[in-house]
PDB file of N, CA and C in Angstrom:
ATOM      1  N   MET A   1     165.054  45.105   8.287  1.00  0.00           N
ATOM      2  CA  MET A   1     163.324  45.343   8.187  1.00  0.00           C
ATOM      3  C   MET A   1     163.199  46.637   9.022  1.00  0.00           C
ATOM      4  N   VAL A   2     164.054  47.174   9.648  1.00  0.00           N
ATOM      5  CA  VAL A   2     163.821  48.578  10.275  1.00  0.00           C
ATOM      6  C   VAL A   2     164.125  49.674   9.191  1.00  0.00           C
ATOM      7  N   GLU A   3     165.048  49.195   8.508  1.00  0.00           N
ATOM      8  CA  GLU A   3     165.580  50.231   7.344  1.00  0.00           C
ATOM      9  C   GLU A   3     164.384  50.487   6.270  1.00  0.00           C
ATOM     10  N   SER A   4     163.582  49.199   5.974  1.00  0.00           N
ATOM     11  CA  SER A   4     162.616  49.376   5.169  1.00  0.00           C
ATOM     12  C   SER A   4     161.163  49.525   5.840  1.00  0.00           C
ATOM     13  N   CYS A   5     161.372  49.880   7.011  1.00  0.00           N
ATOM     14  CA  CYS A   5     159.949  50.174   7.791  1.00  0.00           C
ATOM     15  C   CYS A   5     158.921  48.921   7.794  1.00  0.00           C
ATOM     16  N   TRP A   6     159.358  48.041   8.010  1.00  0.00           N
ATOM     17  CA  TRP A   6     158.561  46.607   8.197  1.00  0.00           C
ATOM     18  C   TRP A   6     158.618  46.241   9.644  1.00  0.00           C
ATOM     19  N   ALA A   7     159.469  46.869  10.513  1.00  0.00           N
ATOM     20  CA  ALA A   7     159.892  46.215  11.693  1.00  0.00           C
ATOM     21  C   ALA A   7     160.049  47.640  12.645  1.00  0.00           C
ATOM     22  N   ALA A   8     159.950  47.556  13.863  1.00  0.00           N
ATOM     23  CA  ALA A   8     160.109  48.729  14.862  1.00  0.00           C
ATOM     24  C   ALA A   8     161.133  48.124  16.073  1.00  0.00           C
ATOM     25  N   THR A   9     161.751  49.017  16.511  1.00  0.00           N
ATOM     26  CA  THR A   9     162.734  48.521  17.521  1.00  0.00           C
ATOM     27  C   THR A   9     161.971  48.697  19.041  1.00  0.00           C
ATOM     28  N   PHE A  10     162.324  47.848  19.887  1.00  0.00           N
ATOM     29  CA  PHE A  10     161.657  47.945  21.180  1.00  0.00           C
ATOM     30  C   PHE A  10     162.958  47.301  22.157  1.00  0.00           C
ATOM     31  N   SER A  11     163.639  48.344  22.718  1.00  0.00           N
ATOM     32  CA  SER A  11     164.485  47.687  23.529  1.00  0.00           C
ATOM     33  C   SER A  11     164.274  47.665  24.894  1.00  0.00           C
ATOM     34  N   ILE A  12     164.480  46.572  25.477  1.00  0.00           N
ATOM     35  CA  ILE A  12     164.180  46.427  26.898  1.00  0.00           C
ATOM     36  C   ILE A  12     165.518  45.834  27.686  1.00  0.00           C
ATOM     37  N   TYR A  13     165.444  46.578  28.732  1.00  0.00           N
ATOM     38  CA  TYR A  13     166.888  46.052  29.754  1.00  0.00           C
ATOM     39  C   TYR A  13     166.597  44.885  30.060  1.00  0.00           C
ATOM     40  N   PRO A  14     167.773  44.095  29.996  1.00  0.00           N
ATOM     41  CA  PRO A  14     169.167  44.182  29.801  1.00  0.00           C
ATOM     42  C   PRO A  14     169.387  43.902  28.381  1.00  0.00           C
ATOM     43  N   SER A  15     168.517  43.757  27.330  1.00  0.00           N
ATOM     44  CA  SER A  15     168.834  43.357  25.937  1.00  0.00           C
ATOM     45  C   SER A  15     168.760  44.759  25.040  1.00  0.00           C
ATOM     46  N   ILE A  16     169.694  45.773  25.516  1.00  0.00           N
ATOM     47  CA  ILE A  16     169.848  47.076  24.787  1.00  0.00           C
ATOM     48  C   ILE A  16     171.021  47.055  24.045  1.00  0.00           C
ATOM     49  N   PRO A  17     170.992  47.328  22.661  1.00  0.00           N
ATOM     50  CA  PRO A  17     172.011  47.164  21.574  1.00  0.00           C
ATOM     51  C   PRO A  17     173.274  48.132  22.173  1.00  0.00           C
ATOM     52  N   ARG A  18     174.436  47.843  21.790  1.00  0.00           N
ATOM     53  CA  ARG A  18     175.377  48.603  21.804  1.00  0.00           C
ATOM     54  C   ARG A  18     175.005  50.113  21.259  1.00  0.00           C
ATOM     55  N   TYR A  19     175.711  51.143  21.830  1.00  0.00           N
ATOM     56  CA  TYR A  19     175.478  52.571  21.467  1.00  0.00           C
ATOM     57  C   TYR A  19     175.585  52.959  19.990  1.00  0.00           C
ATOM     58  N   ALA A  20     176.463  52.218  19.296  1.00  0.00           N
ATOM     59  CA  ALA A  20     176.711  52.426  17.804  1.00  0.00           C
ATOM     60  C   ALA A  20     175.455  51.818  17.238  1.00  0.00           C
ATOM     61  N   ASN A  21     175.077  50.551  17.378  1.00  0.00           N
ATOM     62  CA  ASN A  21     174.047  50.018  17.000  1.00  0.00           C
ATOM     63  C   ASN A  21     172.634  50.711  17.230  1.00  0.00           C
ATOM     64  N   LEU A  22     172.540  51.222  18.373  1.00  0.00           N
ATOM     65  CA  LEU A  22     171.303  52.021  18.850  1.00  0.00           C
ATOM     66  C   LEU A  22     171.311  53.315  17.844  1.00  0.00           C
ATOM     67  N   VAL A  23     172.358  53.971  17.501  1.00  0.00           N
ATOM     68  CA  VAL A  23     172.329  55.104  16.817  1.00  0.00           C
ATOM     69  C   VAL A  23     172.012  54.714  15.327  1.00  0.00           C
ATOM     70  N   LEU A  24     172.618  53.637  14.854  1.00  0.00           N
ATOM     71  CA  LEU A  24     172.220  53.113  13.618  1.00  0.00           C
ATOM     72  C   LEU A  24     170.670  52.800  13.463  1.00  0.00           C
ATOM     73  N   LEU A  25     170.058  52.221  14.369  1.00  0.00           N
ATOM     74  CA  LEU A  25     168.784  51.939  14.303  1.00  0.00           C
ATOM     75  C   LEU A  25     167.813  53.266  14.363  1.00  0.00           C
ATOM     76  N   GLN A  26     168.216  53.902  14.997  1.00  0.00           N
ATOM     77  CA  GLN A  26     167.601  55.498  14.869  1.00  0.00           C
ATOM     78  C   GLN A  26     167.714  56.055  13.587  1.00  0.00           C
ATOM     79  N   GLU A  27     168.749  56.011  12.999  1.00  0.00           N
ATOM     80  CA  GLU A  27     168.756  56.761  11.799  1.00  0.00           C
ATOM     81  C   GLU A  27     168.211  56.083  10.938  1.00  0.00           C
ATOM     82  N   VAL A  28     168.175  54.686  10.784  1.00  0.00           N
ATOM     83  CA  VAL A  28     167.630  54.075   9.536  1.00  0.00           C
ATOM     84  C   VAL A  28     165.789  54.354   9.693  1.00  0.00           C
ATOM     85  N   ALA A  29     165.582  54.190  10.949  1.00  0.00           N
ATOM     86  CA  ALA A  29     164.151  54.452  11.455  1.00  0.00           C
ATOM     87  C   ALA A  29     163.820  55.810  10.973  1.00  0.00           C
ATOM     88  N   LYS A  30     164.418  56.691  11.231  1.00  0.00           N
ATOM     89  CA  LYS A  30     164.116  57.919  10.941  1.00  0.00           C
ATOM     90  C   LYS A  30     164.115  58.207   9.443  1.00  0.00           C
ATOM     91  N   ASP A  31     165.236  57.676   8.730  1.00  0.00           N
ATOM     92  CA  ASP A  31     165.027  58.020   7.201  1.00  0.00           C
ATOM     93  C   ASP A  31     163.922  57.171   6.577  1.00  0.00           C
ATOM     94  N   ALA A  32     163.521  55.896   7.089  1.00  0.00           N
ATOM     95  CA  ALA A  32     162.530  55.290   6.553  1.00  0.00           C
ATOM     96  C   ALA A  32     161.238  56.060   6.642  1.00  0.00           C
ATOM     97  N   TYR A  33     160.895  56.850   7.941  1.00  0.00           N
ATOM     98  CA  TYR A  33     159.798  57.565   8.251  1.00  0.00           C
ATOM     99  C   TYR A  33     159.656  58.939   7.169  1.00  0.00           C
ATOM    100  N   ASP A  34     161.043  59.577   7.274  1.00  0.00           N
ATOM    101  CA  ASP A  34     161.055  60.717   6.479  1.00  0.00           C
ATOM    102  C   ASP A  34     160.766  60.616   4.856  1.00  0.00           C
ATOM    103  N   ASN A  35     161.192  59.281   4.417  1.00  0.00           N
ATOM    104  CA  ASN A  35     161.184  58.977   2.913  1.00  0.00           C
ATOM    105  C   ASN A  35     159.949  57.996   2.933  1.00  0.00           C
ATOM    106  N   LYS A  36     159.194  57.927   3.729  1.00  0.00           N
ATOM    107  CA  LYS A  36     157.793  57.239   3.373  1.00  0.00           C
ATOM    108  C   LYS A  36     157.894  55.699   2.957  1.00  0.00           C
ATOM    109  N   LYS A  37     158.900  55.021   3.544  1.00  0.00           N
ATOM    110  CA  LYS A  37     159.162  53.591   3.105  1.00  0.00           C
ATOM    111  C   LYS A  37     158.363  52.654   3.846  1.00  0.00           C
ATOM    112  N   GLY A  38     158.211  51.609   3.293  1.00  0.00           N
ATOM    113  CA  GLY A  38     157.112  50.517   3.784  1.00  0.00           C
ATOM    114  C   GLY A  38     156.107  50.968   4.419  1.00  0.00           C
ATOM    115  N   ALA A  39     155.832  50.695   5.649  1.00  0.00           N
ATOM    116  CA  ALA A  39     154.507  50.983   6.207  1.00  0.00           C
ATOM    117  C   ALA A  39     153.972  52.480   6.222  1.00  0.00           C
ATOM    118  N   TRP A  40     155.172  53.197   6.253  1.00  0.00           N
ATOM    119  CA  TRP A  40     154.792  54.754   6.288  1.00  0.00           C
ATOM    120  C   TRP A  40     154.387  55.186   5.151  1.00  0.00           C
ATOM    121  N   ALA A  41     154.277  54.409   4.059  1.00  0.00           N
ATOM    122  CA  ALA A  41     153.883  55.048   2.550  1.00  0.00           C
ATOM    123  C   ALA A  41     152.588  55.292   2.699  1.00  0.00           C
ATOM    124  N   ASP A  42     151.547  54.611   3.634  1.00  0.00           N
ATOM    125  CA  ASP A  42     150.375  54.690   3.956  1.00  0.00           C
ATOM    126  C   ASP A  42     150.131  55.837   4.865  1.00  0.00           C
ATOM    127  N   PRO A  43     149.388  56.970   4.531  1.00  0.00           N
ATOM    128  CA  PRO A  43     149.355  58.022   5.364  1.00  0.00           C
ATOM    129  C   PRO A  43     148.542  57.793   6.578  1.00  0.00           C
ATOM    130  N   GLU A  44     147.434  56.958   6.402  1.00  0.00           N
ATOM    131  CA  GLU A  44     146.775  56.443   7.613  1.00  0.00           C
ATOM    132  C   GLU A  44     147.283  55.074   8.328  1.00  0.00           C
ATOM    133  N   MET A  45     148.278  54.833   8.110  1.00  0.00           N
ATOM    134  CA  MET A  45     149.020  53.705   8.941  1.00  0.00           C
ATOM    135  C   MET A  45     148.928  54.114  10.614  1.00  0.00           C
ATOM    136  N   LEU A  46     148.689  53.162  11.298  1.00  0.00           N
ATOM    137  CA  LEU A  46     148.657  53.552  12.773  1.00  0.00           C
ATOM    138  C   LEU A  46     149.805  52.329  13.356  1.00  0.00           C
ATOM    139  N   THR A  47     150.497  53.060  14.234  1.00  0.00           N
ATOM    140  CA  THR A  47     151.153  52.369  15.017  1.00  0.00           C
ATOM    141  C   THR A  47     150.606  51.476  15.984  1.00  0.00           C
ATOM    142  N   GLY A  48     151.199  50.305  16.457  1.00  0.00           N
ATOM    143  CA  GLY A  48     150.577  49.405  17.403  1.00  0.00           C
ATOM    144  C   GLY A  48     149.984  50.133  18.491  1.00  0.00           C
ATOM    145  N   TYR A  49     150.735  50.828  19.120  1.00  0.00           N
ATOM    146  CA  TYR A  49     149.972  51.735  20.506  1.00  0.00           C
ATOM    147  C   TYR A  49     148.992  52.396  20.114  1.00  0.00           C
ATOM    148  N   GLU A  50     148.827  53.022  18.683  1.00  0.00           N
ATOM    149  CA  GLU A  50     147.609  53.903  18.379  1.00  0.00           C
ATOM    150  C   GLU A  50     146.511  53.058  18.026  1.00  0.00           C
ATOM    151  N   PHE A  51     146.689  51.788  17.431  1.00  0.00           N
ATOM    152  CA  PHE A  51     145.810  50.929  17.023  1.00  0.00           C
ATOM    153  C   PHE A  51     144.967  50.249  18.391  1.00  0.00           C
ATOM    154  N   ARG A  52     146.012  49.982  19.493  1.00  0.00           N
ATOM    155  CA  ARG A  52     145.241  49.439  20.579  1.00  0.00           C
ATOM    156  C   ARG A  52     144.449  50.492  21.225  1.00  0.00           C
ATOM    157  N   MET A  53     144.913  51.849  21.304  1.00  0.00           N
ATOM    158  CA  MET A  53     144.202  52.923  21.865  1.00  0.00           C
ATOM    159  C   MET A  53     142.876  53.102  21.384  1.00  0.00           C
ATOM    160  N   TYR A  54     142.875  53.208  20.028  1.00  0.00           N
ATOM    161  CA  TYR A  54     141.634  53.068  19.364  1.00  0.00           C
ATOM    162  C   TYR A  54     140.624  51.977  19.535  1.00  0.00           C
ATOM    163  N   VAL A  55     140.965  50.934  19.661  1.00  0.00           N
ATOM    164  CA  VAL A  55     140.170  49.648  20.061  1.00  0.00           C
ATOM    165  C   VAL A  55     139.808  50.030  21.581  1.00  0.00           C
ATOM    166  N   ARG A  56     140.862  50.339  22.496  1.00  0.00           N
ATOM    167  CA  ARG A  56     140.004  50.413  23.738  1.00  0.00           C
ATOM    168  C   ARG A  56     139.012  51.668  23.847  1.00  0.00           C
ATOM    169  N   LEU A  57     139.179  52.582  23.363  1.00  0.00           N
ATOM    170  CA  LEU A  57     138.324  53.660  23.223  1.00  0.00           C
ATOM    171  C   LEU A  57     136.888  53.145  22.556  1.00  0.00           C
ATOM    172  N   TYR A  58     136.978  52.485  21.450  1.00  0.00           N
ATOM    173  CA  TYR A  58     135.890  51.942  20.895  1.00  0.00           C
ATOM    174  C   TYR A  58     135.235  51.174  21.738  1.00  0.00           C
ATOM    175  N   ASP A  59     135.655  50.124  22.481  1.00  0.00           N
ATOM    176  CA  ASP A  59     135.007  49.322  23.467  1.00  0.00           C
ATOM    177  C   ASP A  59     134.436  49.949  24.805  1.00  0.00           C
ATOM    178  N   THR A  60     135.367  51.093  25.112  1.00  0.00           N
ATOM    179  CA  THR A  60     134.711  51.791  26.151  1.00  0.00           C
ATOM    180  C   THR A  60     133.444  52.889  25.929  1.00  0.00           C
ATOM    181  N   LEU A  61     133.534  53.236  24.455  1.00  0.00           N
ATOM    182  CA  LEU A  61     132.388  54.241  24.188  1.00  0.00           C
ATOM    183  C   LEU A  61     131.152  53.248  23.874  1.00  0.00           C
ATOM    184  N   LYS A  62     131.529  52.150  23.267  1.00  0.00           N
ATOM    185  CA  LYS A  62     130.194  51.193  22.875  1.00  0.00           C
ATOM    186  C   LYS A  62     129.485  50.737  24.186  1.00  0.00           C
ATOM    187  N   SER A  63     130.313  50.193  25.141  1.00  0.00           N
ATOM    188  CA  SER A  63     129.700  50.027  26.359  1.00  0.00           C
ATOM    189  C   SER A  63     129.036  51.127  27.037  1.00  0.00           C
ATOM    190  N   TRP A  64     129.412  52.299  27.057  1.00  0.00           N
ATOM    191  CA  TRP A  64     128.916  53.497  27.701  1.00  0.00           C
ATOM    192  C   TRP A  64     127.630  53.868  26.921  1.00  0.00           C
ATOM    193  N   LEU A  65     127.533  53.740  25.580  1.00  0.00           N
ATOM    194  CA  LEU A  65     126.271  54.088  24.586  1.00  0.00           C
ATOM    195  C   LEU A  65     125.221  52.902  24.821  1.00  0.00           C
ATOM    196  N   ARG A  66     125.467  51.838  25.390  1.00  0.00           N
ATOM    197  CA  ARG A  66     124.523  50.856  25.256  1.00  0.00           C
ATOM    198  C   ARG A  66     123.826  50.890  26.621  1.00  0.00           C
ATOM    199  N   GLY A  67     124.034  51.973  27.434  1.00  0.00           N
ATOM    200  CA  GLY A  67     123.301  52.254  28.647  1.00  0.00           C
ATOM    201  C   GLY A  67     123.749  51.503  29.850  1.00  0.00           C
ATOM    202  N   LYS A  68     125.078  51.165  29.728  1.00  0.00           N
ATOM    203  CA  LYS A  68     125.373  50.580  31.080  1.00  0.00           C
ATOM    204  C   LYS A  68     125.946  51.736  31.805  1.00  0.00           C
ATOM    205  N   SER A  69     126.214  51.327  33.220  1.00  0.00           N
ATOM    206  CA  SER A  69     126.823  52.592  33.795  1.00  0.00           C
ATOM    207  C   SER A  69     127.999  53.274  33.441  1.00  0.00           C
ATOM    208  N   TYR A  70     127.844  54.522  33.905  1.00  0.00           N
ATOM    209  CA  TYR A  70     129.056  55.593  33.437  1.00  0.00           C
ATOM    210  C   TYR A  70     130.392  54.705  33.972  1.00  0.00           C
ATOM    211  N   PRO A  71     131.290  54.767  32.761  1.00  0.00           N
ATOM    212  CA  PRO A  71     132.713  53.943  32.958  1.00  0.00           C
ATOM    213  C   PRO A  71     133.318  54.282  34.323  1.00  0.00           C
ATOM    214  N   PRO A  72     134.130  53.467  34.559  1.00  0.00           N
ATOM    215  CA  PRO A  72     135.064  53.523  35.808  1.00  0.00           C
ATOM    216  C   PRO A  72     135.903  54.505  35.686  1.00  0.00           C
ATOM    217  N   LYS A  73     136.455  55.360  36.828  1.00  0.00           N
ATOM    218  CA  LYS A  73     137.487  56.488  36.726  1.00  0.00           C
ATOM    219  C   LYS A  73     138.599  56.057  36.089  1.00  0.00           C
ATOM    220  N   SER A  74     139.109  54.944  35.882  1.00  0.00           N
ATOM    221  CA  SER A  74     140.046  54.431  35.091  1.00  0.00           C
ATOM    222  C   SER A  74     139.860  54.631  33.571  1.00  0.00           C
ATOM    223  N   ASP A  75     138.580  54.635  33.195  1.00  0.00           N
ATOM    224  CA  ASP A  75     138.416  54.674  31.610  1.00  0.00           C
ATOM    225  C   ASP A  75     138.004  56.248  31.494  1.00  0.00           C
ATOM    226  N   MET A  76     138.024  57.107  32.346  1.00  0.00           N
ATOM    227  CA  MET A  76     137.516  58.542  32.150  1.00  0.00           C
ATOM    228  C   MET A  76     138.380  59.093  31.007  1.00  0.00           C
ATOM    229  N   TYR A  77     139.883  58.747  31.058  1.00  0.00           N
ATOM    230  CA  TYR A  77     140.687  59.532  30.338  1.00  0.00           C
ATOM    231  C   TYR A  77     140.377  59.165  28.821  1.00  0.00           C
ATOM    232  N   GLY A  78     140.074  57.925  28.724  1.00  0.00           N
ATOM    233  CA  GLY A  78     139.628  57.517  27.415  1.00  0.00           C
ATOM    234  C   GLY A  78     138.358  58.373  26.589  1.00  0.00           C
ATOM    235  N   LEU A  79     137.311  58.334  27.477  1.00  0.00           N
ATOM    236  CA  LEU A  79     136.153  59.092  27.100  1.00  0.00           C
ATOM    237  C   LEU A  79     136.650  60.622  26.791  1.00  0.00           C
ATOM    238  N   HIS A  80     137.475  61.229  27.376  1.00  0.00           N
ATOM    239  CA  HIS A  80     137.867  62.660  27.318  1.00  0.00           C
ATOM    240  C   HIS A  80     138.489  62.806  25.890  1.00  0.00           C
ATOM    241  N   ALA A  81     139.508  61.820  25.615  1.00  0.00           N
ATOM    242  CA  ALA A  81     139.977  61.731  24.421  1.00  0.00           C
ATOM    243  C   ALA A  81     139.078  61.681  23.226  1.00  0.00           C
ATOM    244  N   ILE A  82     138.053  60.925  23.456  1.00  0.00           N
ATOM    245  CA  ILE A  82     137.028  60.692  22.228  1.00  0.00           C
ATOM    246  C   ILE A  82     136.387  62.167  22.086  1.00  0.00           C
ATOM    247  N   VAL A  83     136.092  62.982  23.025  1.00  0.00           N
ATOM    248  CA  VAL A  83     135.760  64.283  22.850  1.00  0.00           C
ATOM    249  C   VAL A  83     136.606  65.116  22.301  1.00  0.00           C
ATOM    250  N   TRP A  84     137.784  64.963  22.264  1.00  0.00           N
ATOM    251  CA  TRP A  84     138.585  65.829  21.809  1.00  0.00           C
ATOM    252  C   TRP A  84     139.379  65.272  20.416  1.00  0.00           C
ATOM    253  N   ILE A  85     138.885  64.216  20.028  1.00  0.00           N
ATOM    254  CA  ILE A  85     139.079  63.649  18.702  1.00  0.00           C
ATOM    255  C   ILE A  85     138.326  64.327  17.660  1.00  0.00           C
TER     256      ILE A  85
END
């Protein structure tokens, strides 16, 4: 699935693959990205973390524009990111 770009790896200790398998996963993932296979065929495809970031930014901006108090300092980064996008 990684080779055809319909899955991504997410290694968490202690379940880390052996070195040879890790190198193989990186190589096939890079090949899938470089050759626009699977999900990478769509130039507007978002990775999971990018999608979650946009959802959070949207929610933060929406509540701010509805006249609620200025977002807490923890959300300030999100608002600055919107300005720069």
